[in-house]
Amino acid sequence: MSGRHPPISPSRAQLNRRAVLLAAGTGALVSACSTASGQPAGKVAVHGDNTSFAEPLSAAGAAMKKVAGLSLVSEVIPSAESFEQVVKSSLRTNRTPDLLKYWSGYRLKDLARTGGIVDLSAVWKRCAARGWVDPALRGAFTHRGRVYGLPMNLAHWVIYYNPRVFKENGLTKPRTWDDFLTACKTLKGAGITPLHAVISGRWPAFIWFQEMLSRQDPRFYLDLMNGRARYTDERAERAMRTISDFADNGWFTSMDVDHNTASASLVHGKLGMMPAGTWMGATITAAGGKFGENVDAFVLPMQNAGSRPSVIFESSAFASSVKGPDRKEAFKAAENWLHPEVARAFADALQDGSPNPKVPPANPVIEGVVRTVRERNFSLLNRFWELGPPELVESTVDDLAGFMLNPSSYRPVLRTMQERADEAWKVWREAEET
C-alpha cells in the first residue's frame, strides 16, 4: 500500500482479486480520472484509491439499484498520492470523477476549499433525521460548518489479541492500563513478543504516538492535532517517553514486520497484541483467525483513568464533484448512500463498522467494540492521518518513523515536529483567510 491510506494487505487483496483485476483494467491512474466521461444512464462511477473497497462498492451498488434505481461502478486507482493529485487537478474541469472515495478531516477540508465538491449539508440533515448517521461524525466531514462528504465506513482503532494465548498465560482481556502492562510483561516472560510496531509503508509510524496521546490526554491529542498545542509540550514528551520505555522493555516487534506477517503471528501465538483499525479483521481471518476463538479485540484502556474514555476512529468520505459528467445521478447516489440496505451491504462486504447506527455489526469483534463504545459513552477522536494540514501529517509521519527506529531521540524529534507545525499551520491559516 501507499503511505497515505489504511493498509491494503496482500491477503485482503487476494480476497478481492476481482477488484485488482478491475483496477488493472482501468489502466493508468491518470487515464482513469482524466478521461472521466460518464457512465450509461442508471450507473455512476465511484473513483477511489483502495482496491479493497471495490467489492464492497459493488455490493452497495446492487443494494442501491433496488432502493434508488442506480448502480455504482467502482473505478480503483491503486496509488493514493497520484489519485489525490489527479482529483485536485481535475475538479475544475468537466472531466472530473462524479463520485469520490476520499479521506475525512483536513484532507476533505483541503478538497472543499477548491470549490469542486458538492455541499451535502441538506443530505446529511435528512439522513440524521432518519437516524441513518451517527451525529458524532459530522465534524469530520465539514468545512466552515458545511458538510462535504458522507461517511462510508466507521472503523474503530483497537488492539487485536489471541484469546487462546491469553488464557494459556493466565491473562484476560485488559480493562485497565495496569492490566495492559501486566499482559505485556507476562507475554514477554513467556517468550511471546507483546506488541506489534511497524514503520514500513510510512503511515504506520504514527500508530503508537496516536494511541499514547489519546490514552494519556485525549483533549491534548485534539489540541495538538488541530494546531492549538505544541509538540514541545510536556504531554507530547510523556507520550514519547512511554513508547521509548516499551521499546527498552523489548515489547515491540522488529519495525519491518508488516500487518500481514503480524496477523499470522497473532493467530499462531507468536505475537501478543496488534493495534489496528477494525478493518484489519478481514486480514486476520484470511491468516486463519476465527472471531471468538483465536481473535478478539479491545480498546486500549485509558492510562489516565480520570479522562473521559475515548477511541480513535477513521471513516472514508463519499463525496460528489460539482462538474462531474453524471452529477445529477451522483447526487442521487449520495442521497441514498446511507440508506440502511445500502450501508449494510457495504459494511458486510468490507467487514467493517458502519456509520449508520441501524446497520447490524458485520462480525462479533465489531459488535463487541461498538457495544463498549456506546455503553461507556466513549468520545470519538479522528485518526492522526486525517487531522492537521496534509503536508504537516506527511512530514511528521517521517519524523515519527525516525523516532521509532531510535526511541531515545524523542526530544530533538519533537522540536523538529514543532518547527514543521509552525510553518504548516501558518500556511494553512493564511489560506483559510482568502
Protein backbone atom coordinates (compact mmCIF):
# COMPACT_ATOMS: atom_id res chain seq x y z
CA MET A 1 0.00 0.00 0.00
CA SER A 2 0.98 3.54 -0.25
CA GLY A 3 1.76 5.55 2.80
CA ARG A 4 -1.37 7.59 2.50
CA HIS A 5 -4.10 5.17 3.22
CA PRO A 6 -5.19 2.40 5.56
CA PRO A 7 -3.28 -0.72 4.66
CA ILE A 8 -4.36 -2.95 1.84
CA SER A 9 -2.90 -6.27 2.76
CA PRO A 10 -1.92 -8.78 0.11
CA SER A 11 -4.15 -11.33 1.80
CA ARG A 12 -7.03 -8.92 1.75
CA ALA A 13 -6.28 -8.00 -1.82
CA GLN A 14 -6.26 -11.68 -2.68
CA LEU A 15 -9.76 -11.88 -1.33
CA ASN A 16 -10.61 -9.09 -3.69
CA ARG A 17 -8.90 -10.47 -6.77
CA ARG A 18 -11.70 -9.26 -8.91
CA ALA A 19 -11.11 -5.78 -7.55
CA VAL A 20 -7.45 -5.90 -8.50
CA LEU A 21 -8.29 -7.04 -11.98
CA LEU A 22 -10.80 -4.26 -12.21
CA ALA A 23 -8.13 -1.79 -11.17
CA ALA A 24 -5.76 -3.16 -13.78
CA GLY A 25 -8.48 -2.83 -16.34
CA THR A 26 -8.80 0.84 -15.73
CA GLY A 27 -5.27 1.34 -16.97
CA ALA A 28 -3.01 4.03 -15.62
CA LEU A 29 -4.39 6.21 -12.91
CA VAL A 30 -4.19 9.36 -14.95
CA SER A 31 -6.36 7.91 -17.67
CA ALA A 32 -8.80 6.64 -15.08
CA CYS A 33 -9.57 10.10 -13.78
CA SER A 34 -8.71 12.43 -16.61
CA THR A 35 -10.97 10.58 -19.02
CA ALA A 36 -13.99 10.51 -16.75
CA SER A 37 -16.66 10.89 -19.41
CA GLY A 38 -19.70 9.48 -17.71
CA GLN A 39 -21.47 6.17 -17.43
CA PRO A 40 -24.62 4.91 -19.16
CA ALA A 41 -27.87 6.13 -17.60
CA GLY A 42 -28.51 4.38 -14.32
CA LYS A 43 -24.83 3.91 -13.47
CA VAL A 44 -22.44 6.19 -11.58
CA ALA A 45 -18.70 5.72 -11.14
CA VAL A 46 -17.04 5.99 -7.73
CA HIS A 47 -13.34 6.74 -8.00
CA GLY A 48 -11.01 5.76 -5.18
CA ASP A 49 -7.52 4.54 -4.37
CA ASN A 50 -8.30 1.40 -2.39
CA THR A 51 -8.76 -1.94 -4.15
CA SER A 52 -10.34 -3.45 -1.05
CA PHE A 53 -13.29 -1.06 -1.48
CA ALA A 54 -14.16 -2.33 -4.97
CA GLU A 55 -16.17 -5.41 -3.99
CA PRO A 56 -17.99 -3.59 -1.16
CA LEU A 57 -18.90 -0.79 -3.58
CA SER A 58 -20.24 -3.39 -5.97
CA ALA A 59 -22.37 -4.86 -3.17
CA ALA A 60 -23.58 -1.39 -2.17
CA GLY A 61 -24.38 -0.68 -5.81
CA ALA A 62 -26.55 -3.78 -6.04
CA ALA A 63 -28.48 -2.62 -2.97
CA MET A 64 -28.76 0.92 -4.32
CA LYS A 65 -30.19 -0.45 -7.56
CA LYS A 66 -33.11 -1.76 -5.53
CA VAL A 67 -33.76 1.38 -3.48
CA ALA A 68 -32.86 4.12 -5.98
CA GLY A 69 -32.53 2.52 -9.42
CA LEU A 70 -28.80 3.33 -9.60
CA SER A 71 -25.76 1.08 -9.84
CA LEU A 72 -22.30 2.03 -8.62
CA VAL A 73 -19.28 1.34 -10.81
CA SER A 74 -16.02 1.14 -8.91
CA GLU A 75 -13.01 2.81 -10.54
CA VAL A 76 -9.99 1.88 -8.45
CA ILE A 77 -6.72 3.75 -8.80
CA PRO A 78 -4.19 1.95 -6.60
CA SER A 79 -1.90 4.92 -5.97
CA ALA A 80 -3.14 7.26 -3.27
CA GLU A 81 -0.62 10.05 -3.87
CA SER A 82 -1.30 10.29 -7.59
CA PHE A 83 -5.03 9.79 -7.07
CA GLU A 84 -5.13 12.79 -4.77
CA GLN A 85 -3.15 14.93 -7.20
CA VAL A 86 -5.26 13.99 -10.21
CA VAL A 87 -8.53 14.57 -8.35
CA LYS A 88 -7.45 18.06 -7.31
CA SER A 89 -6.27 18.96 -10.79
CA SER A 90 -9.42 17.67 -12.49
CA LEU A 91 -12.06 19.17 -10.20
CA ARG A 92 -12.10 22.43 -12.15
CA THR A 93 -12.77 20.62 -15.44
CA ASN A 94 -15.77 18.77 -16.89
CA ARG A 95 -13.78 15.54 -16.97
CA THR A 96 -13.60 15.09 -13.23
CA PRO A 97 -14.94 11.96 -11.47
CA ASP A 98 -18.59 12.10 -10.38
CA LEU A 99 -18.15 10.43 -7.02
CA LEU A 100 -15.07 10.07 -4.86
CA LYS A 101 -13.99 7.80 -2.07
CA TYR A 102 -11.85 10.32 -0.17
CA TRP A 103 -10.47 10.96 3.29
CA SER A 104 -12.26 12.81 6.07
CA GLY A 105 -10.87 15.59 8.27
CA TYR A 106 -8.37 18.09 6.94
CA ARG A 107 -7.87 16.23 3.67
CA LEU A 108 -11.57 16.70 2.91
CA LYS A 109 -11.37 20.32 4.04
CA ASP A 110 -8.46 20.79 1.64
CA LEU A 111 -10.63 19.46 -1.19
CA ALA A 112 -13.67 21.52 -0.17
CA ARG A 113 -11.58 24.69 -0.31
CA THR A 114 -11.19 24.19 -4.07
CA GLY A 115 -14.95 24.63 -4.53
CA GLY A 116 -15.03 21.46 -6.61
CA ILE A 117 -17.17 19.20 -4.41
CA VAL A 118 -20.84 19.45 -3.57
CA ASP A 119 -22.23 20.81 -0.31
CA LEU A 120 -24.09 17.80 1.14
CA SER A 121 -25.40 19.55 4.26
CA ALA A 122 -29.05 19.04 3.29
CA VAL A 123 -28.43 15.33 2.61
CA TRP A 124 -26.75 14.94 6.00
CA LYS A 125 -29.66 16.67 7.70
CA ARG A 126 -32.21 14.31 6.13
CA CYS A 127 -30.11 11.26 7.00
CA ALA A 128 -29.68 12.46 10.57
CA ALA A 129 -33.44 12.98 10.90
CA ARG A 130 -33.97 9.34 9.87
CA GLY A 131 -31.31 8.08 12.27
CA TRP A 132 -29.12 6.92 9.38
CA VAL A 133 -25.87 8.51 10.55
CA ASP A 134 -24.03 8.87 13.84
CA PRO A 135 -24.21 12.62 14.57
CA ALA A 136 -20.85 12.48 16.38
CA LEU A 137 -19.16 12.04 12.99
CA ARG A 138 -20.36 15.30 11.44
CA GLY A 139 -17.31 17.36 12.42
CA ALA A 140 -15.02 15.05 10.44
CA PHE A 141 -16.88 15.86 7.22
CA THR A 142 -17.37 19.61 7.49
CA HIS A 143 -15.62 22.72 6.26
CA ARG A 144 -16.76 26.09 7.57
CA GLY A 145 -19.84 24.44 9.03
CA ARG A 146 -20.99 22.79 5.79
CA VAL A 147 -20.90 19.05 5.09
CA TYR A 148 -18.85 17.96 2.04
CA GLY A 149 -18.78 14.20 2.42
CA LEU A 150 -20.81 11.32 3.84
CA PRO A 151 -19.15 8.62 5.96
CA MET A 152 -18.62 5.34 4.12
CA ASN A 153 -17.32 3.10 6.91
CA LEU A 154 -16.69 3.53 10.63
CA ALA A 155 -13.53 1.81 11.83
CA HIS A 156 -12.58 1.96 15.49
CA TRP A 157 -8.93 1.58 16.44
CA VAL A 158 -8.48 -1.40 18.71
CA ILE A 159 -5.88 -3.85 20.00
CA TYR A 160 -6.27 -7.29 18.41
CA TYR A 161 -5.18 -10.24 20.52
CA ASN A 162 -5.41 -14.03 20.64
CA PRO A 163 -7.75 -15.16 23.48
CA ARG A 164 -6.25 -18.68 23.48
CA VAL A 165 -2.76 -17.30 24.10
CA PHE A 166 -4.05 -15.02 26.82
CA LYS A 167 -5.84 -17.91 28.55
CA GLU A 168 -2.77 -20.16 28.35
CA ASN A 169 -0.82 -17.45 30.14
CA GLY A 170 -3.45 -16.69 32.77
CA LEU A 171 -4.46 -13.39 31.20
CA THR A 172 -7.86 -11.87 30.47
CA LYS A 173 -8.87 -9.01 28.20
CA PRO A 174 -7.26 -5.85 29.72
CA ARG A 175 -9.77 -3.50 31.29
CA THR A 176 -7.27 -1.10 32.90
CA TRP A 177 -3.89 0.33 31.98
CA ASP A 178 -2.27 -1.84 34.66
CA ASP A 179 -3.96 -4.91 33.12
CA PHE A 180 -2.42 -3.97 29.80
CA LEU A 181 1.07 -3.56 31.27
CA THR A 182 0.71 -6.89 33.10
CA ALA A 183 -0.20 -8.58 29.83
CA CYS A 184 2.90 -7.13 28.15
CA LYS A 185 5.19 -8.29 30.96
CA THR A 186 3.62 -11.76 31.15
CA LEU A 187 3.79 -12.35 27.40
CA LYS A 188 7.39 -11.17 27.30
CA GLY A 189 8.22 -13.60 30.09
CA ALA A 190 6.58 -16.41 28.13
CA GLY A 191 8.75 -15.73 25.08
CA ILE A 192 5.96 -14.07 23.08
CA THR A 193 6.57 -10.63 21.57
CA PRO A 194 3.94 -8.50 23.31
CA LEU A 195 3.29 -5.70 20.79
CA HIS A 196 3.35 -5.08 17.05
CA ALA A 197 5.01 -1.89 15.80
CA VAL A 198 5.94 -1.15 12.20
CA ILE A 199 7.13 1.73 10.07
CA SER A 200 7.28 0.06 6.66
CA GLY A 201 4.82 1.77 4.35
CA ARG A 202 5.47 5.05 6.24
CA TRP A 203 2.00 5.73 7.61
CA PRO A 204 2.03 3.10 10.45
CA ALA A 205 4.73 5.15 12.19
CA PHE A 206 2.03 7.31 13.78
CA ILE A 207 0.11 4.43 15.39
CA TRP A 208 1.74 4.27 18.82
CA PHE A 209 2.11 8.06 19.11
CA GLN A 210 -1.60 8.39 18.37
CA GLU A 211 -2.51 5.69 20.86
CA MET A 212 -0.34 7.06 23.69
CA LEU A 213 -1.52 10.66 23.29
CA SER A 214 -5.18 9.64 23.23
CA ARG A 215 -4.82 7.25 26.22
CA GLN A 216 -2.99 9.82 28.34
CA ASP A 217 -4.80 13.04 27.46
CA PRO A 218 -7.43 12.94 24.70
CA ARG A 219 -8.11 16.67 24.91
CA PHE A 220 -4.41 17.41 24.39
CA TYR A 221 -4.41 14.99 21.42
CA LEU A 222 -7.15 17.03 19.74
CA ASP A 223 -5.50 20.35 20.62
CA LEU A 224 -2.16 19.21 19.22
CA MET A 225 -3.65 17.80 16.04
CA ASN A 226 -5.65 20.99 15.45
CA GLY A 227 -2.71 23.33 15.98
CA ARG A 228 -3.80 24.58 19.40
CA ALA A 229 -0.94 22.94 21.33
CA ARG A 230 2.75 22.34 20.74
CA TYR A 231 4.81 19.23 20.15
CA THR A 232 7.32 20.53 22.67
CA ASP A 233 4.66 20.34 25.42
CA GLU A 234 5.47 18.02 28.32
CA ARG A 235 2.42 15.91 27.44
CA ALA A 236 3.79 15.10 23.99
CA GLU A 237 7.15 14.28 25.54
CA ARG A 238 5.45 11.99 28.07
CA ALA A 239 3.79 10.03 25.26
CA MET A 240 7.13 9.62 23.52
CA ARG A 241 8.83 8.52 26.74
CA THR A 242 6.18 5.85 27.25
CA ILE A 243 6.80 4.47 23.77
CA SER A 244 10.54 4.64 24.40
CA ASP A 245 10.06 2.63 27.60
CA PHE A 246 8.09 -0.02 25.69
CA ALA A 247 10.96 -0.28 23.22
CA ASP A 248 13.55 -0.51 26.02
CA ASN A 249 11.49 -3.34 27.56
CA GLY A 250 11.76 -5.29 24.32
CA TRP A 251 8.00 -5.30 23.87
CA PHE A 252 7.92 -4.32 20.18
CA THR A 253 8.42 -6.44 17.08
CA SER A 254 11.04 -5.51 14.55
CA MET A 255 9.91 -2.38 12.69
CA ASP A 256 9.80 -4.19 9.35
CA VAL A 257 7.11 -6.72 10.36
CA ASP A 258 4.14 -5.72 8.20
CA HIS A 259 0.50 -6.22 9.11
CA ASN A 260 0.12 -9.42 7.11
CA THR A 261 3.03 -11.09 8.85
CA ALA A 262 1.88 -9.74 12.20
CA SER A 263 -1.64 -11.09 11.60
CA ALA A 264 -0.28 -14.57 11.01
CA SER A 265 1.98 -14.29 14.07
CA LEU A 266 -1.00 -13.28 16.19
CA VAL A 267 -3.06 -16.24 15.00
CA HIS A 268 -0.18 -18.67 15.62
CA GLY A 269 0.65 -17.35 19.09
CA LYS A 270 3.96 -15.67 18.25
CA LEU A 271 2.68 -12.14 18.77
CA GLY A 272 0.62 -10.95 21.72
CA MET A 273 -1.21 -7.82 20.57
CA MET A 274 -1.56 -5.69 17.44
CA PRO A 275 -3.04 -2.16 17.23
CA ALA A 276 -5.14 -1.57 14.10
CA GLY A 277 -8.44 -0.34 12.77
CA THR A 278 -11.33 -2.79 12.78
CA TRP A 279 -10.84 -3.20 9.04
CA MET A 280 -7.88 -5.43 9.98
CA GLY A 281 -10.30 -8.23 10.91
CA ALA A 282 -10.52 -9.35 7.28
CA THR A 283 -6.72 -9.66 7.08
CA ILE A 284 -6.52 -11.63 10.33
CA THR A 285 -9.25 -14.06 9.31
CA ALA A 286 -7.52 -14.52 5.96
CA ALA A 287 -4.46 -15.56 8.00
CA GLY A 288 -6.51 -18.25 9.75
CA GLY A 289 -8.08 -16.25 12.54
CA LYS A 290 -11.54 -17.12 13.86
CA PHE A 291 -13.51 -14.50 15.75
CA GLY A 292 -14.20 -15.56 19.32
CA GLU A 293 -11.67 -18.41 19.17
CA ASN A 294 -8.22 -17.10 18.38
CA VAL A 295 -9.12 -13.48 17.52
CA ASP A 296 -10.69 -10.79 19.65
CA ALA A 297 -10.09 -7.10 20.26
CA PHE A 298 -10.33 -4.42 22.93
CA VAL A 299 -10.00 -0.66 23.05
CA LEU A 300 -6.68 0.20 24.72
CA PRO A 301 -7.58 1.26 28.30
CA MET A 302 -7.04 4.85 29.34
CA GLN A 303 -3.71 5.39 31.09
CA ASN A 304 -5.24 8.46 32.69
CA ALA A 305 -8.32 6.97 34.35
CA GLY A 306 -9.61 10.48 35.10
CA SER A 307 -10.10 11.30 31.41
CA ARG A 308 -13.30 10.50 29.54
CA PRO A 309 -12.88 7.18 27.72
CA SER A 310 -12.10 7.73 24.06
CA VAL A 311 -11.38 5.76 20.93
CA ILE A 312 -9.70 6.66 17.66
CA PHE A 313 -11.89 6.28 14.58
CA GLU A 314 -11.41 6.56 10.85
CA SER A 315 -14.02 6.95 8.16
CA SER A 316 -13.70 7.48 4.41
CA ALA A 317 -15.75 10.21 2.73
CA PHE A 318 -18.30 9.68 -0.06
CA ALA A 319 -18.06 12.97 -1.95
CA SER A 320 -19.72 14.27 -5.11
CA SER A 321 -18.00 16.59 -7.58
CA VAL A 322 -19.57 19.79 -8.85
CA LYS A 323 -18.65 19.29 -12.52
CA GLY A 324 -18.83 15.51 -12.98
CA PRO A 325 -20.48 14.31 -16.21
CA ASP A 326 -23.20 12.40 -14.31
CA ARG A 327 -23.52 14.85 -11.43
CA LYS A 328 -27.33 14.64 -11.14
CA GLU A 329 -27.25 10.87 -10.73
CA ALA A 330 -24.18 11.22 -8.50
CA PHE A 331 -26.13 13.48 -6.16
CA LYS A 332 -28.99 10.98 -6.14
CA ALA A 333 -26.50 8.27 -5.19
CA ALA A 334 -25.24 10.44 -2.34
CA GLU A 335 -28.81 10.92 -1.13
CA ASN A 336 -29.16 7.13 -0.85
CA TRP A 337 -25.66 6.20 0.30
CA LEU A 338 -26.63 5.91 3.97
CA HIS A 339 -29.89 4.05 3.31
CA PRO A 340 -29.79 1.07 5.73
CA GLU A 341 -29.86 -1.53 2.94
CA VAL A 342 -27.03 0.17 1.04
CA ALA A 343 -24.94 0.83 4.16
CA ARG A 344 -25.39 -2.75 5.36
CA ALA A 345 -24.36 -4.24 2.02
CA PHE A 346 -21.21 -2.11 2.06
CA ALA A 347 -20.29 -2.86 5.70
CA ASP A 348 -20.89 -6.60 5.37
CA ALA A 349 -18.74 -6.84 2.26
CA LEU A 350 -15.97 -4.72 3.79
CA GLN A 351 -16.25 -6.47 7.17
CA ASP A 352 -16.01 -3.13 8.96
CA GLY A 353 -18.21 -0.92 11.08
CA SER A 354 -20.98 1.25 9.63
CA PRO A 355 -21.68 4.93 10.29
CA ASN A 356 -25.40 4.08 10.16
CA PRO A 357 -26.44 3.03 13.70
CA LYS A 358 -29.29 0.98 12.20
CA VAL A 359 -26.86 -1.40 10.48
CA PRO A 360 -26.02 -4.58 12.48
CA PRO A 361 -22.28 -5.17 13.15
CA ALA A 362 -20.53 -7.15 10.42
CA ASN A 363 -18.78 -9.57 12.81
CA PRO A 364 -18.57 -10.40 16.55
CA VAL A 365 -15.43 -8.31 17.16
CA ILE A 366 -17.05 -5.18 15.76
CA GLU A 367 -20.23 -5.95 17.74
CA GLY A 368 -18.24 -6.07 20.99
CA VAL A 369 -16.31 -2.89 20.28
CA VAL A 370 -19.40 -0.93 19.24
CA ARG A 371 -21.26 -2.09 22.35
CA THR A 372 -18.38 -0.96 24.59
CA VAL A 373 -18.12 2.41 22.85
CA ARG A 374 -21.85 3.07 23.23
CA GLU A 375 -22.31 1.73 26.77
CA ARG A 376 -19.32 3.66 28.14
CA ASN A 377 -20.06 6.78 26.09
CA PHE A 378 -16.61 6.94 24.50
CA SER A 379 -15.67 10.15 22.74
CA LEU A 380 -14.63 9.66 19.11
CA LEU A 381 -11.25 11.08 18.05
CA ASN A 382 -10.40 11.22 14.38
CA ARG A 383 -7.27 9.41 13.30
CA PHE A 384 -3.84 11.10 13.16
CA TRP A 385 -3.74 10.76 9.36
CA GLU A 386 -6.87 12.90 8.88
CA LEU A 387 -6.02 15.58 11.48
CA GLY A 388 -3.91 18.60 10.59
CA PRO A 389 -2.78 20.03 7.25
CA PRO A 390 -1.93 17.10 4.96
CA GLU A 391 1.60 18.36 4.28
CA LEU A 392 2.28 18.50 8.03
CA VAL A 393 0.95 15.00 8.61
CA GLU A 394 3.10 13.66 5.78
CA SER A 395 6.28 15.12 7.25
CA THR A 396 5.56 14.26 10.88
CA VAL A 397 4.94 10.64 9.90
CA ASP A 398 8.51 10.52 8.63
CA ASP A 399 9.74 12.14 11.84
CA LEU A 400 7.88 9.53 13.89
CA ALA A 401 9.40 6.75 11.80
CA GLY A 402 12.85 8.07 12.73
CA PHE A 403 11.81 8.13 16.37
CA MET A 404 10.54 4.55 16.30
CA LEU A 405 13.93 3.45 14.95
CA ASN A 406 15.75 5.47 17.62
CA PRO A 407 13.36 5.93 20.59
CA SER A 408 15.90 7.84 22.67
CA SER A 409 15.75 10.68 20.12
CA TYR A 410 12.32 11.92 21.17
CA ARG A 411 13.33 15.42 22.29
CA PRO A 412 15.03 16.55 19.05
CA VAL A 413 12.28 14.80 17.06
CA LEU A 414 9.59 16.76 18.91
CA ARG A 415 11.45 20.02 18.30
CA THR A 416 11.65 19.24 14.60
CA MET A 417 7.96 18.38 14.50
CA GLN A 418 7.10 21.68 16.15
CA GLU A 419 9.18 23.63 13.64
CA ARG A 420 7.29 21.92 10.83
CA ALA A 421 3.98 22.59 12.58
CA ASP A 422 4.72 26.31 12.96
CA GLU A 423 5.24 26.70 9.23
CA ALA A 424 2.42 24.36 8.12
CA TRP A 425 -0.21 25.97 10.32
CA LYS A 426 0.87 29.46 9.20
CA VAL A 427 0.32 28.47 5.57
CA TRP A 428 -2.98 26.71 6.33
CA ARG A 429 -4.41 29.68 8.25
CA GLU A 430 -3.35 32.16 5.61
CA ALA A 431 -5.20 30.07 3.03
CA GLU A 432 -8.26 29.98 5.28
CA GLU A 433 -8.37 33.79 5.28
CA THR A 434 -8.50 34.05 1.49
